[in-house]
Amino acid sequence: MPPVRKRPRAYDPVRTRAAVLAQFGHVRAAVRTLTPEQLALPTRLGEWTVRELVAHVGMALAAVSRLLAEPEPARRTGALLDWPSAIVTDAPEIADHARRLADRHPDPDAHLAEVERRFTADLDTHPGTRLLPTSAGALPLADYVVTRTVELVVHTDDLNAAVPGLDIPYDRQALAACTRLLADTLAAKAPGGATEVRIPPYAVVQCVEGPRHTRGTPPNVVETDPLTWTRLATGRLTWQDAVTDAKVCASGERADLSPLLPLLS
């Protein structure tokens, strides 16, 4: 079990880049196998089809190129943990853009290949300190790339849920970064030390106001696995369903996280 976080988490840009490209590669490999009938299947994302969801996965990397094309902000105005709450307001525009992309690119794999090429070239050209004008404020490129692990892991899970037997794998480093960012977001949303949230093997955070424990087993503990945590944090799974299905183990009077979830949707 990793130690509980006491200070802002640092991410290695080289490992984060490798994780993003690895997860994107897993998605591309799966997309090549999809039939027209599978691309037309519905998803759990409202009216989106699998084809539109695939287009949105491309947007996760294309967003980097789009933001780099904008003038660089004069100074940093956002923080990495601001990103999950900021993207909720962008949801309608994102959905419309995904549908337009799906219509414009009848060959999903060719589109994803071009997106990956531009993303790789952008990271080769620009330093991680380069500021981007994101919806969460001006963020360094290196921080914004961390958020791409959340997009890719979440939508890999959406694709797996939509297409029976697809079973796209999860890159370990991408899943780790996604889990940690969402766990730290919870701790920032509900600061405190009354409840310990454990998501082995990647993260442990303390949150929720109340008595802070100093040694031994804390009185309020929540434990779950990384994919269940990701689904809870993004609204793909309700707290009650997770507890009922034994996907979450929660003990203590301050162990109910339902008022704090989802963190983004």
Protein backbone atom coordinates (compact mmCIF):
# COMPACT_ATOMS: atom_id res chain seq x y z
CA MET A 1 0.00 0.00 0.00
CA PRO A 2 1.50 3.40 -1.00
CA PRO A 3 1.77 6.13 1.65
CA VAL A 4 -1.03 8.66 2.20
CA ARG A 5 -0.39 11.87 0.22
CA LYS A 6 0.76 14.86 2.26
CA ARG A 7 1.81 17.23 -0.54
CA PRO A 8 0.94 17.79 -4.21
CA ARG A 9 1.77 14.79 -6.34
CA ALA A 10 4.43 14.99 -9.03
CA TYR A 11 4.20 13.09 -12.31
CA ASP A 12 7.15 12.07 -14.46
CA PRO A 13 6.49 13.61 -17.93
CA VAL A 14 8.36 10.83 -19.73
CA ARG A 15 6.35 8.09 -18.04
CA THR A 16 3.10 9.99 -18.50
CA ARG A 17 3.73 10.42 -22.22
CA ALA A 18 4.54 6.72 -22.55
CA ALA A 19 1.38 5.81 -20.65
CA VAL A 20 -0.84 8.00 -22.83
CA LEU A 21 0.61 6.59 -26.04
CA ALA A 22 0.38 3.02 -24.74
CA GLN A 23 -3.29 3.36 -23.82
CA PHE A 24 -4.07 5.13 -27.08
CA GLY A 25 -2.31 2.29 -28.90
CA HIS A 26 -4.49 -0.26 -27.13
CA VAL A 27 -7.59 1.61 -28.29
CA ARG A 28 -6.31 1.89 -31.87
CA ALA A 29 -5.60 -1.82 -32.03
CA ALA A 30 -9.15 -2.57 -30.89
CA VAL A 31 -10.75 -0.05 -33.24
CA ARG A 32 -9.14 -1.80 -36.22
CA THR A 33 -11.17 -4.91 -35.39
CA LEU A 34 -14.56 -3.21 -35.17
CA THR A 35 -17.15 -3.96 -37.81
CA PRO A 36 -19.61 -1.36 -39.15
CA GLU A 37 -22.29 -3.02 -37.04
CA GLN A 38 -20.17 -2.68 -33.89
CA LEU A 39 -19.34 0.96 -34.67
CA ALA A 40 -23.08 1.62 -34.84
CA LEU A 41 -23.78 0.13 -31.39
CA PRO A 42 -25.09 2.41 -28.63
CA THR A 43 -22.95 3.35 -25.63
CA ARG A 44 -23.74 4.27 -22.04
CA LEU A 45 -23.02 7.93 -22.95
CA GLY A 46 -26.49 9.11 -23.86
CA GLU A 47 -27.07 9.03 -27.61
CA TRP A 48 -23.43 8.42 -28.58
CA THR A 49 -22.64 5.48 -30.82
CA VAL A 50 -19.38 3.56 -30.63
CA ARG A 51 -18.20 5.45 -33.73
CA GLU A 52 -18.79 8.77 -31.99
CA LEU A 53 -17.09 7.52 -28.85
CA VAL A 54 -14.04 6.50 -30.89
CA ALA A 55 -13.96 10.01 -32.39
CA HIS A 56 -14.04 11.41 -28.88
CA VAL A 57 -11.09 9.24 -27.87
CA GLY A 58 -9.18 10.92 -30.68
CA MET A 59 -10.18 14.28 -29.23
CA ALA A 60 -8.33 13.41 -26.02
CA LEU A 61 -5.02 13.75 -27.87
CA ALA A 62 -6.16 16.26 -30.49
CA ALA A 63 -6.98 18.69 -27.67
CA VAL A 64 -3.26 19.07 -27.02
CA SER A 65 -2.61 20.14 -30.61
CA ARG A 66 -5.60 22.48 -30.53
CA LEU A 67 -4.50 24.22 -27.35
CA LEU A 68 -0.90 24.52 -28.52
CA ALA A 69 -2.17 26.40 -31.57
CA GLU A 70 -3.59 29.09 -29.25
CA PRO A 71 -1.45 31.99 -27.96
CA GLU A 72 0.47 31.00 -24.85
CA PRO A 73 -0.96 32.53 -21.65
CA ALA A 74 1.25 35.01 -19.84
CA ARG A 75 1.18 33.12 -16.56
CA ARG A 76 -0.18 29.99 -14.93
CA THR A 77 -3.70 30.50 -13.57
CA GLY A 78 -4.90 26.93 -12.94
CA ALA A 79 -3.96 23.78 -11.07
CA LEU A 80 -4.08 20.17 -12.18
CA LEU A 81 -6.79 19.34 -9.64
CA ASP A 82 -9.02 22.09 -11.09
CA TRP A 83 -9.39 20.12 -14.31
CA PRO A 84 -12.01 17.47 -13.30
CA SER A 85 -14.61 20.02 -12.23
CA ALA A 86 -13.86 22.39 -15.12
CA ILE A 87 -14.61 19.89 -17.90
CA VAL A 88 -18.22 19.33 -16.78
CA THR A 89 -19.23 22.69 -18.28
CA ASP A 90 -17.69 21.68 -21.62
CA ALA A 91 -19.79 18.50 -22.00
CA PRO A 92 -22.43 19.71 -24.54
CA GLU A 93 -19.81 21.24 -26.85
CA ILE A 94 -17.65 18.12 -26.60
CA ALA A 95 -20.55 15.86 -27.59
CA ASP A 96 -21.39 17.97 -30.65
CA HIS A 97 -17.76 18.02 -31.76
CA ALA A 98 -17.48 14.24 -31.42
CA ARG A 99 -20.49 13.74 -33.68
CA ARG A 100 -19.09 16.08 -36.32
CA LEU A 101 -15.72 14.32 -36.22
CA ALA A 102 -17.34 10.92 -36.62
CA ASP A 103 -19.20 12.18 -39.69
CA ARG A 104 -16.06 13.68 -41.24
CA HIS A 105 -13.83 10.64 -40.72
CA PRO A 106 -15.41 7.43 -42.03
CA ASP A 107 -12.14 5.54 -41.38
CA PRO A 108 -11.70 5.72 -37.57
CA ASP A 109 -8.27 4.09 -37.51
CA ALA A 110 -6.83 6.46 -40.12
CA HIS A 111 -8.16 9.39 -38.11
CA LEU A 112 -6.65 8.09 -34.87
CA ALA A 113 -3.31 7.48 -36.60
CA GLU A 114 -3.16 11.12 -37.72
CA VAL A 115 -4.14 12.35 -34.26
CA GLU A 116 -1.38 10.25 -32.69
CA ARG A 117 1.18 11.54 -35.20
CA ARG A 118 0.37 15.19 -34.41
CA PHE A 119 0.35 14.55 -30.66
CA THR A 120 3.77 12.90 -30.76
CA ALA A 121 5.19 15.72 -32.90
CA ASP A 122 3.78 18.34 -30.51
CA LEU A 123 5.38 16.73 -27.47
CA ASP A 124 8.68 16.47 -29.35
CA THR A 125 8.51 20.19 -30.19
CA HIS A 126 7.24 21.87 -27.03
CA PRO A 127 8.64 21.76 -23.49
CA GLY A 128 6.48 20.50 -20.64
CA THR A 129 6.49 23.99 -19.13
CA ARG A 130 4.66 25.47 -22.12
CA LEU A 131 1.36 26.92 -20.86
CA LEU A 132 -1.96 25.91 -22.42
CA PRO A 133 -5.24 27.91 -22.17
CA THR A 134 -7.44 25.10 -20.80
CA SER A 135 -10.93 25.29 -19.31
CA ALA A 136 -9.27 24.88 -15.90
CA GLY A 137 -7.07 27.93 -16.50
CA ALA A 138 -3.56 28.16 -17.88
CA LEU A 139 -1.81 24.84 -17.21
CA PRO A 140 1.63 23.51 -18.18
CA LEU A 141 1.64 21.04 -21.05
CA ALA A 142 3.09 18.34 -18.76
CA ASP A 143 0.13 18.68 -16.37
CA TYR A 144 -2.40 18.64 -19.16
CA VAL A 145 -0.94 15.40 -20.54
CA VAL A 146 -1.65 13.80 -17.14
CA THR A 147 -5.35 14.57 -17.65
CA ARG A 148 -5.23 12.60 -20.91
CA THR A 149 -4.76 9.41 -18.90
CA VAL A 150 -8.15 9.99 -17.30
CA GLU A 151 -9.82 10.58 -20.66
CA LEU A 152 -8.27 7.46 -22.17
CA VAL A 153 -8.88 5.10 -19.25
CA VAL A 154 -12.47 6.27 -18.79
CA HIS A 155 -13.35 5.94 -22.46
CA THR A 156 -11.53 2.63 -22.82
CA ASP A 157 -13.90 1.41 -20.13
CA ASP A 158 -16.84 2.92 -22.03
CA LEU A 159 -15.80 1.08 -25.21
CA ASN A 160 -15.41 -2.20 -23.35
CA ALA A 161 -18.88 -1.76 -21.89
CA ALA A 162 -20.41 -0.98 -25.30
CA VAL A 163 -18.92 -3.78 -27.41
CA PRO A 164 -19.34 -7.32 -26.04
CA GLY A 165 -16.04 -9.19 -25.91
CA LEU A 166 -13.89 -6.19 -26.91
CA ASP A 167 -11.75 -6.30 -23.74
CA ILE A 168 -9.28 -3.48 -24.47
CA PRO A 169 -6.41 -3.75 -21.95
CA TYR A 170 -5.41 -0.97 -19.56
CA ASP A 171 -1.84 0.27 -19.49
CA ARG A 172 -0.65 0.02 -15.89
CA GLN A 173 0.91 3.49 -15.80
CA ALA A 174 -2.12 5.11 -17.45
CA LEU A 175 -4.46 3.45 -14.93
CA ALA A 176 -2.17 4.51 -12.09
CA ALA A 177 -2.09 8.17 -13.15
CA CYS A 178 -5.85 8.22 -13.71
CA THR A 179 -6.50 6.68 -10.28
CA ARG A 180 -4.15 9.07 -8.50
CA LEU A 181 -5.46 12.21 -10.15
CA LEU A 182 -9.07 11.34 -9.31
CA ALA A 183 -8.17 10.33 -5.75
CA ASP A 184 -6.30 13.60 -5.18
CA THR A 185 -9.28 15.47 -6.63
CA LEU A 186 -11.51 13.90 -3.97
CA ALA A 187 -9.09 14.91 -1.24
CA ALA A 188 -9.04 18.48 -2.56
CA LYS A 189 -12.85 18.59 -2.80
CA ALA A 190 -13.38 17.33 0.76
CA PRO A 191 -10.25 18.26 2.74
CA GLY A 192 -9.75 16.61 6.09
CA GLY A 193 -8.38 13.53 7.74
CA ALA A 194 -11.41 11.67 9.06
CA THR A 195 -11.69 9.16 6.20
CA GLU A 196 -9.00 7.16 4.47
CA VAL A 197 -9.68 6.13 0.86
CA ARG A 198 -7.57 3.23 -0.34
CA ILE A 199 -7.30 2.28 -4.00
CA PRO A 200 -4.57 -0.36 -4.11
CA PRO A 201 -2.05 -0.58 -5.52
CA TYR A 202 -1.98 3.04 -6.69
CA ALA A 203 -3.34 5.53 -4.18
CA VAL A 204 -4.30 6.32 -0.61
CA VAL A 205 -5.76 9.69 0.36
CA GLN A 206 -7.31 11.17 3.48
CA CYS A 207 -10.37 13.37 3.18
CA VAL A 208 -13.58 14.58 4.93
CA GLU A 209 -13.65 16.88 7.94
CA GLY A 210 -13.67 15.28 11.37
CA PRO A 211 -11.35 13.69 13.92
CA ARG A 212 -7.98 12.81 12.41
CA HIS A 213 -6.42 9.48 13.34
CA THR A 214 -2.71 9.39 14.14
CA ARG A 215 -1.88 5.69 14.36
CA GLY A 216 -3.33 2.28 13.70
CA THR A 217 -6.37 1.56 11.54
CA PRO A 218 -8.42 4.73 10.94
CA PRO A 219 -12.08 4.67 12.10
CA ASN A 220 -13.43 5.46 8.62
CA VAL A 221 -12.05 3.50 5.67
CA VAL A 222 -13.12 3.13 2.05
CA GLU A 223 -11.36 0.61 -0.17
CA THR A 224 -11.97 -0.28 -3.80
CA ASP A 225 -10.12 -1.21 -6.98
CA PRO A 226 -8.89 1.30 -9.60
CA LEU A 227 -11.57 0.67 -12.23
CA THR A 228 -14.41 0.79 -9.72
CA TRP A 229 -12.98 4.04 -8.36
CA THR A 230 -12.77 5.50 -11.85
CA ARG A 231 -16.39 4.56 -12.54
CA LEU A 232 -17.53 6.10 -9.25
CA ALA A 233 -15.55 9.29 -9.83
CA THR A 234 -16.94 9.74 -13.34
CA GLY A 235 -20.57 8.79 -12.67
CA ARG A 236 -20.49 5.47 -14.50
CA LEU A 237 -21.36 3.68 -11.25
CA THR A 238 -23.39 4.84 -8.27
CA TRP A 239 -22.12 4.56 -4.73
CA GLN A 240 -25.11 2.49 -3.66
CA ASP A 241 -24.68 0.00 -6.50
CA ALA A 242 -20.97 -0.32 -5.78
CA VAL A 243 -21.60 -1.03 -2.10
CA THR A 244 -24.47 -3.44 -2.83
CA ASP A 245 -22.35 -5.39 -5.33
CA ALA A 246 -19.39 -5.46 -2.91
CA LYS A 247 -17.26 -3.39 -5.27
CA VAL A 248 -16.56 -1.02 -2.39
CA CYS A 249 -15.78 -1.83 1.23
CA ALA A 250 -16.78 1.09 3.47
CA SER A 251 -16.64 1.16 7.26
CA GLY A 252 -17.26 4.00 9.71
CA GLU A 253 -19.86 6.75 10.06
CA ARG A 254 -17.90 9.07 7.72
CA ALA A 255 -17.22 6.43 5.06
CA ASP A 256 -20.20 7.27 2.83
CA LEU A 257 -18.74 9.17 -0.14
CA SER A 258 -22.01 9.41 -2.09
CA PRO A 259 -22.49 13.17 -1.41
CA LEU A 260 -19.07 13.84 -2.98
CA LEU A 261 -19.49 11.75 -6.14
CA PRO A 262 -19.19 11.89 -9.05
CA LEU A 263 -16.17 14.17 -9.34
CA LEU A 264 -16.81 14.59 -13.07
CA SER A 265 -19.37 13.21 -15.46
